[in-house]
Amino acid sequence: PLVPVPDHASLRQMLVKQIEYYFSVENLCRDIFLRSNMDHQGFIPVSTIASFNRVRSLTSDTSIILDALRNSAVVEVQGDRLRKRHDGASWAL
């Protein structure tokens, strides 16, 4: 069955909601895979996030993901890397 493609605004909203969840305290407390892929500053390549099934089902275009997250209150974007805003480094393993 064909899955309807969301419009640009809906796609951005869905990406932000999903990725902000990945960087939530609730998820980070148990997501060892995500934390083990962080560098010492808590950053993770957007390509890693883009490979997650739920994100990949929305888009594989990392520029759309980065653009959608630029104004996020939860996720910080730096170049092609993402981290939890404010205390990102403290979550790195």
PDB file of N, CA and C in Angstrom:
ATOM      1  N   PRO A   1       0.834  -1.206   0.000  1.00  0.00           N
ATOM      2  CA  PRO A   1       0.000   0.000   0.000  1.00  0.00           C
ATOM      3  C   PRO A   1       0.865   1.252   0.000  1.00  0.00           C
ATOM      4  N   LEU A   2       0.423   2.244  -0.707  1.00  0.00           N
ATOM      5  CA  LEU A   2       1.137   3.512  -0.756  1.00  0.00           C
ATOM      6  C   LEU A   2       0.854   4.324   0.497  1.00  0.00           C
ATOM      7  N   VAL A   3       1.905   4.915   1.031  1.00  0.00           N
ATOM      8  CA  VAL A   3       1.773   5.780   2.196  1.00  0.00           C
ATOM      9  C   VAL A   3       1.760   7.208   1.692  1.00  0.00           C
ATOM     10  N   PRO A   4       0.779   8.017   2.109  1.00  0.00           N
ATOM     11  CA  PRO A   4       0.749   9.402   1.631  1.00  0.00           C
ATOM     12  C   PRO A   4       1.978  10.177   2.101  1.00  0.00           C
ATOM     13  N   VAL A   5       2.507  10.993   1.240  1.00  0.00           N
ATOM     14  CA  VAL A   5       3.673  11.812   1.564  1.00  0.00           C
ATOM     15  C   VAL A   5       3.182  13.082   2.257  1.00  0.00           C
ATOM     16  N   PRO A   6       3.705  13.375   3.462  1.00  0.00           N
ATOM     17  CA  PRO A   6       3.258  14.590   4.152  1.00  0.00           C
ATOM     18  C   PRO A   6       3.759  15.843   3.437  1.00  0.00           C
ATOM     19  N   ASP A   7       3.005  16.938   3.568  1.00  0.00           N
ATOM     20  CA  ASP A   7       3.477  18.191   2.984  1.00  0.00           C
ATOM     21  C   ASP A   7       4.698  18.666   3.768  1.00  0.00           C
ATOM     22  N   HIS A   8       5.377  19.678   3.250  1.00  0.00           N
ATOM     23  CA  HIS A   8       6.653  20.130   3.824  1.00  0.00           C
ATOM     24  C   HIS A   8       6.517  20.526   5.298  1.00  0.00           C
ATOM     25  N   ALA A   9       5.487  21.302   5.635  1.00  0.00           N
ATOM     26  CA  ALA A   9       5.306  21.754   7.021  1.00  0.00           C
ATOM     27  C   ALA A   9       5.030  20.568   7.942  1.00  0.00           C
ATOM     28  N   SER A  10       4.198  19.645   7.496  1.00  0.00           N
ATOM     29  CA  SER A  10       3.890  18.460   8.308  1.00  0.00           C
ATOM     30  C   SER A  10       5.126  17.587   8.482  1.00  0.00           C
ATOM     31  N   LEU A  11       5.893  17.433   7.422  1.00  0.00           N
ATOM     32  CA  LEU A  11       7.116  16.645   7.483  1.00  0.00           C
ATOM     33  C   LEU A  11       8.076  17.231   8.512  1.00  0.00           C
ATOM     34  N   ARG A  12       8.276  18.529   8.464  1.00  0.00           N
ATOM     35  CA  ARG A  12       9.164  19.202   9.422  1.00  0.00           C
ATOM     36  C   ARG A  12       8.675  18.976  10.853  1.00  0.00           C
ATOM     37  N   GLN A  13       7.374  19.133  11.068  1.00  0.00           N
ATOM     38  CA  GLN A  13       6.790  18.938  12.399  1.00  0.00           C
ATOM     39  C   GLN A  13       7.022  17.517  12.896  1.00  0.00           C
ATOM     40  N   MET A  14       6.799  16.555  12.035  1.00  0.00           N
ATOM     41  CA  MET A  14       6.971  15.155  12.412  1.00  0.00           C
ATOM     42  C   MET A  14       8.432  14.841  12.718  1.00  0.00           C
ATOM     43  N   LEU A  15       9.344  15.389  11.937  1.00  0.00           N
ATOM     44  CA  LEU A  15      10.774  15.194  12.190  1.00  0.00           C
ATOM     45  C   LEU A  15      11.182  15.793  13.529  1.00  0.00           C
ATOM     46  N   VAL A  16      10.758  17.026  13.773  1.00  0.00           N
ATOM     47  CA  VAL A  16      11.110  17.699  15.027  1.00  0.00           C
ATOM     48  C   VAL A  16      10.579  16.908  16.214  1.00  0.00           C
ATOM     49  N   LYS A  17       9.332  16.502  16.154  1.00  0.00           N
ATOM     50  CA  LYS A  17       8.729  15.755  17.263  1.00  0.00           C
ATOM     51  C   LYS A  17       9.494  14.462  17.529  1.00  0.00           C
ATOM     52  N   GLN A  18       9.810  13.706  16.480  1.00  0.00           N
ATOM     53  CA  GLN A  18      10.498  12.432  16.649  1.00  0.00           C
ATOM     54  C   GLN A  18      11.920  12.623  17.177  1.00  0.00           C
ATOM     55  N   ILE A  19      12.652  13.556  16.602  1.00  0.00           N
ATOM     56  CA  ILE A  19      14.054  13.733  16.996  1.00  0.00           C
ATOM     57  C   ILE A  19      14.156  14.398  18.364  1.00  0.00           C
ATOM     58  N   GLU A  20      13.243  15.298  18.691  1.00  0.00           N
ATOM     59  CA  GLU A  20      13.232  15.860  20.044  1.00  0.00           C
ATOM     60  C   GLU A  20      12.965  14.762  21.067  1.00  0.00           C
ATOM     61  N   TYR A  21      12.149  13.789  20.705  1.00  0.00           N
ATOM     62  CA  TYR A  21      11.935  12.650  21.608  1.00  0.00           C
ATOM     63  C   TYR A  21      13.248  11.889  21.816  1.00  0.00           C
ATOM     64  N   TYR A  22      13.997  11.637  20.738  1.00  0.00           N
ATOM     65  CA  TYR A  22      15.271  10.924  20.879  1.00  0.00           C
ATOM     66  C   TYR A  22      16.197  11.620  21.877  1.00  0.00           C
ATOM     67  N   PHE A  23      16.158  12.955  21.910  1.00  0.00           N
ATOM     68  CA  PHE A  23      17.039  13.721  22.794  1.00  0.00           C
ATOM     69  C   PHE A  23      16.372  14.105  24.111  1.00  0.00           C
ATOM     70  N   SER A  24      15.210  13.540  24.406  1.00  0.00           N
ATOM     71  CA  SER A  24      14.526  13.813  25.670  1.00  0.00           C
ATOM     72  C   SER A  24      15.222  13.059  26.800  1.00  0.00           C
ATOM     73  N   VAL A  25      15.105  13.576  28.015  1.00  0.00           N
ATOM     74  CA  VAL A  25      15.685  12.907  29.178  1.00  0.00           C
ATOM     75  C   VAL A  25      15.117  11.498  29.289  1.00  0.00           C
ATOM     76  N   GLU A  26      13.814  11.368  29.074  1.00  0.00           N
ATOM     77  CA  GLU A  26      13.149  10.061  29.154  1.00  0.00           C
ATOM     78  C   GLU A  26      13.833   9.040  28.245  1.00  0.00           C
ATOM     79  N   ASN A  27      14.119   9.410  27.008  1.00  0.00           N
ATOM     80  CA  ASN A  27      14.745   8.479  26.075  1.00  0.00           C
ATOM     81  C   ASN A  27      16.233   8.301  26.358  1.00  0.00           C
ATOM     82  N   LEU A  28      16.936   9.392  26.640  1.00  0.00           N
ATOM     83  CA  LEU A  28      18.384   9.296  26.845  1.00  0.00           C
ATOM     84  C   LEU A  28      18.743   8.438  28.057  1.00  0.00           C
ATOM     85  N   CYS A  29      17.857   8.370  29.033  1.00  0.00           N
ATOM     86  CA  CYS A  29      18.118   7.542  30.214  1.00  0.00           C
ATOM     87  C   CYS A  29      18.249   6.065  29.861  1.00  0.00           C
ATOM     88  N   ARG A  30      17.639   5.641  28.752  1.00  0.00           N
ATOM     89  CA  ARG A  30      17.675   4.217  28.406  1.00  0.00           C
ATOM     90  C   ARG A  30      18.251   3.915  27.030  1.00  0.00           C
ATOM     91  N   ASP A  31      18.547   4.942  26.243  1.00  0.00           N
ATOM     92  CA  ASP A  31      19.033   4.713  24.877  1.00  0.00           C
ATOM     93  C   ASP A  31      20.562   4.694  24.846  1.00  0.00           C
ATOM     94  N   ILE A  32      21.103   3.545  25.176  1.00  0.00           N
ATOM     95  CA  ILE A  32      22.557   3.393  25.240  1.00  0.00           C
ATOM     96  C   ILE A  32      23.178   3.515  23.846  1.00  0.00           C
ATOM     97  N   PHE A  33      22.478   3.020  22.819  1.00  0.00           N
ATOM     98  CA  PHE A  33      23.006   3.116  21.453  1.00  0.00           C
ATOM     99  C   PHE A  33      23.226   4.573  21.064  1.00  0.00           C
ATOM    100  N   LEU A  34      22.222   5.413  21.270  1.00  0.00           N
ATOM    101  CA  LEU A  34      22.341   6.827  20.915  1.00  0.00           C
ATOM    102  C   LEU A  34      23.492   7.468  21.686  1.00  0.00           C
ATOM    103  N   ARG A  35      23.534   7.234  22.984  1.00  0.00           N
ATOM    104  CA  ARG A  35      24.575   7.840  23.814  1.00  0.00           C
ATOM    105  C   ARG A  35      25.968   7.332  23.460  1.00  0.00           C
ATOM    106  N   SER A  36      26.074   6.072  23.065  1.00  0.00           N
ATOM    107  CA  SER A  36      27.389   5.518  22.716  1.00  0.00           C
ATOM    108  C   SER A  36      27.899   6.061  21.383  1.00  0.00           C
ATOM    109  N   ASN A  37      27.015   6.641  20.587  1.00  0.00           N
ATOM    110  CA  ASN A  37      27.418   7.243  19.315  1.00  0.00           C
ATOM    111  C   ASN A  37      27.714   8.736  19.432  1.00  0.00           C
ATOM    112  N   MET A  38      27.583   9.288  20.635  1.00  0.00           N
ATOM    113  CA  MET A  38      27.890  10.708  20.858  1.00  0.00           C
ATOM    114  C   MET A  38      29.392  10.892  21.014  1.00  0.00           C
ATOM    115  N   ASP A  39      29.886  12.045  20.539  1.00  0.00           N
ATOM    116  CA  ASP A  39      31.286  12.368  20.809  1.00  0.00           C
ATOM    117  C   ASP A  39      31.380  12.943  22.226  1.00  0.00           C
ATOM    118  N   HIS A  40      32.569  13.343  22.654  1.00  0.00           N
ATOM    119  CA  HIS A  40      32.752  13.805  24.030  1.00  0.00           C
ATOM    120  C   HIS A  40      31.958  15.069  24.354  1.00  0.00           C
ATOM    121  N   GLN A  41      31.499  15.794  23.334  1.00  0.00           N
ATOM    122  CA  GLN A  41      30.684  16.988  23.544  1.00  0.00           C
ATOM    123  C   GLN A  41      29.189  16.682  23.474  1.00  0.00           C
ATOM    124  N   GLY A  42      28.846  15.430  23.254  1.00  0.00           N
ATOM    125  CA  GLY A  42      27.447  15.034  23.187  1.00  0.00           C
ATOM    126  C   GLY A  42      26.833  15.118  21.801  1.00  0.00           C
ATOM    127  N   PHE A  43      27.653  15.410  20.787  1.00  0.00           N
ATOM    128  CA  PHE A  43      27.134  15.515  19.420  1.00  0.00           C
ATOM    129  C   PHE A  43      27.062  14.140  18.762  1.00  0.00           C
ATOM    130  N   ILE A  44      26.075  13.992  17.890  1.00  0.00           N
ATOM    131  CA  ILE A  44      25.913  12.779  17.097  1.00  0.00           C
ATOM    132  C   ILE A  44      25.711  13.203  15.647  1.00  0.00           C
ATOM    133  N   PRO A  45      26.312  12.519  14.693  1.00  0.00           N
ATOM    134  CA  PRO A  45      26.124  12.900  13.287  1.00  0.00           C
ATOM    135  C   PRO A  45      24.655  12.788  12.877  1.00  0.00           C
ATOM    136  N   VAL A  46      24.192  13.756  12.111  1.00  0.00           N
ATOM    137  CA  VAL A  46      22.807  13.709  11.639  1.00  0.00           C
ATOM    138  C   VAL A  46      22.584  12.455  10.799  1.00  0.00           C
ATOM    139  N   SER A  47      23.618  11.957  10.153  1.00  0.00           N
ATOM    140  CA  SER A  47      23.479  10.736   9.345  1.00  0.00           C
ATOM    141  C   SER A  47      23.075   9.539  10.204  1.00  0.00           C
ATOM    142  N   THR A  48      23.529   9.509  11.450  1.00  0.00           N
ATOM    143  CA  THR A  48      23.136   8.427  12.360  1.00  0.00           C
ATOM    144  C   THR A  48      21.651   8.523  12.675  1.00  0.00           C
ATOM    145  N   ILE A  49      21.193   9.736  13.001  1.00  0.00           N
ATOM    146  CA  ILE A  49      19.767   9.948  13.290  1.00  0.00           C
ATOM    147  C   ILE A  49      18.936   9.632  12.047  1.00  0.00           C
ATOM    148  N   ALA A  50      19.428  10.026  10.875  1.00  0.00           N
ATOM    149  CA  ALA A  50      18.700   9.783   9.621  1.00  0.00           C
ATOM    150  C   ALA A  50      18.570   8.295   9.319  1.00  0.00           C
ATOM    151  N   SER A  51      19.430   7.474   9.909  1.00  0.00           N
ATOM    152  CA  SER A  51      19.373   6.034   9.662  1.00  0.00           C
ATOM    153  C   SER A  51      18.348   5.324  10.544  1.00  0.00           C
ATOM    154  N   PHE A  52      17.826   6.009  11.554  1.00  0.00           N
ATOM    155  CA  PHE A  52      16.827   5.398  12.432  1.00  0.00           C
ATOM    156  C   PHE A  52      15.541   5.169  11.644  1.00  0.00           C
ATOM    157  N   ASN A  53      14.900   4.042  11.855  1.00  0.00           N
ATOM    158  CA  ASN A  53      13.729   3.655  11.067  1.00  0.00           C
ATOM    159  C   ASN A  53      12.651   4.724  10.998  1.00  0.00           C
ATOM    160  N   ARG A  54      12.297   5.308  12.126  1.00  0.00           N
ATOM    161  CA  ARG A  54      11.196   6.279  12.123  1.00  0.00           C
ATOM    162  C   ARG A  54      11.549   7.538  11.354  1.00  0.00           C
ATOM    163  N   VAL A  55      12.791   7.960  11.427  1.00  0.00           N
ATOM    164  CA  VAL A  55      13.222   9.135  10.664  1.00  0.00           C
ATOM    165  C   VAL A  55      13.349   8.762   9.192  1.00  0.00           C
ATOM    166  N   ARG A  56      13.951   7.626   8.926  1.00  0.00           N
ATOM    167  CA  ARG A  56      14.139   7.175   7.544  1.00  0.00           C
ATOM    168  C   ARG A  56      12.806   7.013   6.812  1.00  0.00           C
ATOM    169  N   SER A  57      11.744   6.657   7.552  1.00  0.00           N
ATOM    170  CA  SER A  57      10.430   6.523   6.918  1.00  0.00           C
ATOM    171  C   SER A  57       9.865   7.882   6.501  1.00  0.00           C
ATOM    172  N   LEU A  58      10.400   8.962   7.082  1.00  0.00           N
ATOM    173  CA  LEU A  58       9.955  10.318   6.737  1.00  0.00           C
ATOM    174  C   LEU A  58      10.821  10.927   5.642  1.00  0.00           C
ATOM    175  N   THR A  59      12.143  10.811   5.796  1.00  0.00           N
ATOM    176  CA  THR A  59      13.076  11.352   4.800  1.00  0.00           C
ATOM    177  C   THR A  59      14.468  10.785   5.041  1.00  0.00           C
ATOM    178  N   SER A  60      15.244  10.725   3.983  1.00  0.00           N
ATOM    179  CA  SER A  60      16.657  10.362   4.114  1.00  0.00           C
ATOM    180  C   SER A  60      17.533  11.582   3.830  1.00  0.00           C
ATOM    181  N   ASP A  61      16.894  12.718   3.591  1.00  0.00           N
ATOM    182  CA  ASP A  61      17.592  13.958   3.244  1.00  0.00           C
ATOM    183  C   ASP A  61      18.041  14.670   4.522  1.00  0.00           C
ATOM    184  N   THR A  62      19.342  14.601   4.802  1.00  0.00           N
ATOM    185  CA  THR A  62      19.847  15.190   6.044  1.00  0.00           C
ATOM    186  C   THR A  62      19.693  16.707   6.070  1.00  0.00           C
ATOM    187  N   SER A  63      19.689  17.359   4.924  1.00  0.00           N
ATOM    188  CA  SER A  63      19.518  18.822   4.921  1.00  0.00           C
ATOM    189  C   SER A  63      18.114  19.205   5.391  1.00  0.00           C
ATOM    190  N   ILE A  64      17.113  18.401   5.072  1.00  0.00           N
ATOM    191  CA  ILE A  64      15.753  18.661   5.562  1.00  0.00           C
ATOM    192  C   ILE A  64      15.708  18.476   7.076  1.00  0.00           C
ATOM    193  N   ILE A  65      16.366  17.444   7.568  1.00  0.00           N
ATOM    194  CA  ILE A  65      16.403  17.180   9.010  1.00  0.00           C
ATOM    195  C   ILE A  65      17.073  18.339   9.738  1.00  0.00           C
ATOM    196  N   LEU A  66      18.246  18.751   9.261  1.00  0.00           N
ATOM    197  CA  LEU A  66      18.973  19.851   9.899  1.00  0.00           C
ATOM    198  C   LEU A  66      18.159  21.136   9.874  1.00  0.00           C
ATOM    199  N   ASP A  67      17.552  21.439   8.744  1.00  0.00           N
ATOM    200  CA  ASP A  67      16.753  22.650   8.609  1.00  0.00           C
ATOM    201  C   ASP A  67      15.557  22.624   9.556  1.00  0.00           C
ATOM    202  N   ALA A  68      14.909  21.476   9.680  1.00  0.00           N
ATOM    203  CA  ALA A  68      13.738  21.353  10.550  1.00  0.00           C
ATOM    204  C   ALA A  68      14.092  21.602  12.010  1.00  0.00           C
ATOM    205  N   LEU A  69      15.314  21.256  12.402  1.00  0.00           N
ATOM    206  CA  LEU A  69      15.715  21.350  13.808  1.00  0.00           C
ATOM    207  C   LEU A  69      16.397  22.659  14.179  1.00  0.00           C
ATOM    208  N   ARG A  70      16.625  23.545  13.240  1.00  0.00           N
ATOM    209  CA  ARG A  70      17.378  24.780  13.520  1.00  0.00           C
ATOM    210  C   ARG A  70      16.777  25.614  14.650  1.00  0.00           C
ATOM    211  N   ASN A  71      15.463  25.622  14.773  1.00  0.00           N
ATOM    212  CA  ASN A  71      14.813  26.431  15.810  1.00  0.00           C
ATOM    213  C   ASN A  71      14.299  25.598  16.975  1.00  0.00           C
ATOM    214  N   SER A  72      14.783  24.380  17.098  1.00  0.00           N
ATOM    215  CA  SER A  72      14.340  23.503  18.180  1.00  0.00           C
ATOM    216  C   SER A  72      14.831  24.020  19.528  1.00  0.00           C
ATOM    217  N   ALA A  73      13.965  23.943  20.518  1.00  0.00           N
ATOM    218  CA  ALA A  73      14.346  24.310  21.880  1.00  0.00           C
ATOM    219  C   ALA A  73      15.041  23.144  22.580  1.00  0.00           C
ATOM    220  N   VAL A  74      14.966  21.949  22.001  1.00  0.00           N
ATOM    221  CA  VAL A  74      15.491  20.738  22.628  1.00  0.00           C
ATOM    222  C   VAL A  74      16.808  20.291  22.004  1.00  0.00           C
ATOM    223  N   VAL A  75      16.924  20.433  20.681  1.00  0.00           N
ATOM    224  CA  VAL A  75      18.076  19.917  19.938  1.00  0.00           C
ATOM    225  C   VAL A  75      18.893  21.069  19.369  1.00  0.00           C
ATOM    226  N   GLU A  76      20.202  21.004  19.583  1.00  0.00           N
ATOM    227  CA  GLU A  76      21.133  21.993  19.033  1.00  0.00           C
ATOM    228  C   GLU A  76      21.738  21.441  17.748  1.00  0.00           C
ATOM    229  N   VAL A  77      21.805  22.280  16.728  1.00  0.00           N
ATOM    230  CA  VAL A  77      22.411  21.909  15.447  1.00  0.00           C
ATOM    231  C   VAL A  77      23.737  22.645  15.312  1.00  0.00           C
ATOM    232  N   GLN A  78      24.795  21.905  15.003  1.00  0.00           N
ATOM    233  CA  GLN A  78      26.101  22.513  14.731  1.00  0.00           C
ATOM    234  C   GLN A  78      26.696  21.783  13.530  1.00  0.00           C
ATOM    235  N   GLY A  79      26.713  22.477  12.402  1.00  0.00           N
ATOM    236  CA  GLY A  79      27.174  21.834  11.167  1.00  0.00           C
ATOM    237  C   GLY A  79      26.253  20.687  10.810  1.00  0.00           C
ATOM    238  N   ASP A  80      26.821  19.479  10.720  1.00  0.00           N
ATOM    239  CA  ASP A  80      26.013  18.300  10.408  1.00  0.00           C
ATOM    240  C   ASP A  80      25.886  17.382  11.626  1.00  0.00           C
ATOM    241  N   ARG A  81      25.939  18.005  12.806  1.00  0.00           N
ATOM    242  CA  ARG A  81      25.841  17.249  14.057  1.00  0.00           C
ATOM    243  C   ARG A  81      24.695  17.789  14.912  1.00  0.00           C
ATOM    244  N   LEU A  82      24.170  16.918  15.766  1.00  0.00           N
ATOM    245  CA  LEU A  82      23.070  17.272  16.655  1.00  0.00           C
ATOM    246  C   LEU A  82      23.430  16.884  18.078  1.00  0.00           C
ATOM    247  N   ARG A  83      22.895  17.624  19.046  1.00  0.00           N
ATOM    248  CA  ARG A  83      23.018  17.216  20.442  1.00  0.00           C
ATOM    249  C   ARG A  83      21.885  17.834  21.243  1.00  0.00           C
ATOM    250  N   LYS A  84      21.694  17.315  22.444  1.00  0.00           N
ATOM    251  CA  LYS A  84      20.691  17.869  23.344  1.00  0.00           C
ATOM    252  C   LYS A  84      21.149  19.264  23.738  1.00  0.00           C
ATOM    253  N   ARG A  85      20.258  20.224  23.618  1.00  0.00           N
ATOM    254  CA  ARG A  85      20.588  21.604  23.959  1.00  0.00           C
ATOM    255  C   ARG A  85      20.807  21.715  25.469  1.00  0.00           C
ATOM    256  N   HIS A  86      21.701  22.558  25.884  1.00  0.00           N
ATOM    257  CA  HIS A  86      22.005  22.905  27.281  1.00  0.00           C
ATOM    258  C   HIS A  86      22.921  21.909  27.995  1.00  0.00           C
ATOM    259  N   ASP A  87      22.580  20.617  28.051  1.00  0.00           N
ATOM    260  CA  ASP A  87      23.422  19.681  28.808  1.00  0.00           C
ATOM    261  C   ASP A  87      23.835  18.468  27.976  1.00  0.00           C
ATOM    262  N   GLY A  88      24.026  18.699  26.686  1.00  0.00           N
ATOM    263  CA  GLY A  88      24.325  17.595  25.768  1.00  0.00           C
ATOM    264  C   GLY A  88      25.558  16.795  26.122  1.00  0.00           C
ATOM    265  N   ALA A  89      26.624  17.472  26.525  1.00  0.00           N
ATOM    266  CA  ALA A  89      27.882  16.771  26.802  1.00  0.00           C
ATOM    267  C   ALA A  89      27.751  15.797  27.965  1.00  0.00           C
ATOM    268  N   SER A  90      26.860  16.075  28.894  1.00  0.00           N
ATOM    269  CA  SER A  90      26.729  15.215  30.074  1.00  0.00           C
ATOM    270  C   SER A  90      26.124  13.849  29.748  1.00  0.00           C
ATOM    271  N   TRP A  91      25.547  13.684  28.554  1.00  0.00           N
ATOM    272  CA  TRP A  91      24.923  12.416  28.175  1.00  0.00           C
ATOM    273  C   TRP A  91      25.863  11.481  27.424  1.00  0.00           C
ATOM    274  N   ALA A  92      27.008  11.970  26.986  1.00  0.00           N
ATOM    275  CA  ALA A  92      27.942  11.125  26.236  1.00  0.00           C
ATOM    276  C   ALA A  92      28.509  10.037  27.140  1.00  0.00           C
ATOM    277  N   LEU A  93      28.678   8.853  26.595  1.00  0.00           N
ATOM    278  CA  LEU A  93      29.250   7.740  27.376  1.00  0.00           C
ATOM    279  C   LEU A  93      30.753   7.674  27.183  1.00  0.00           C
TER     280      LEU A  93
END
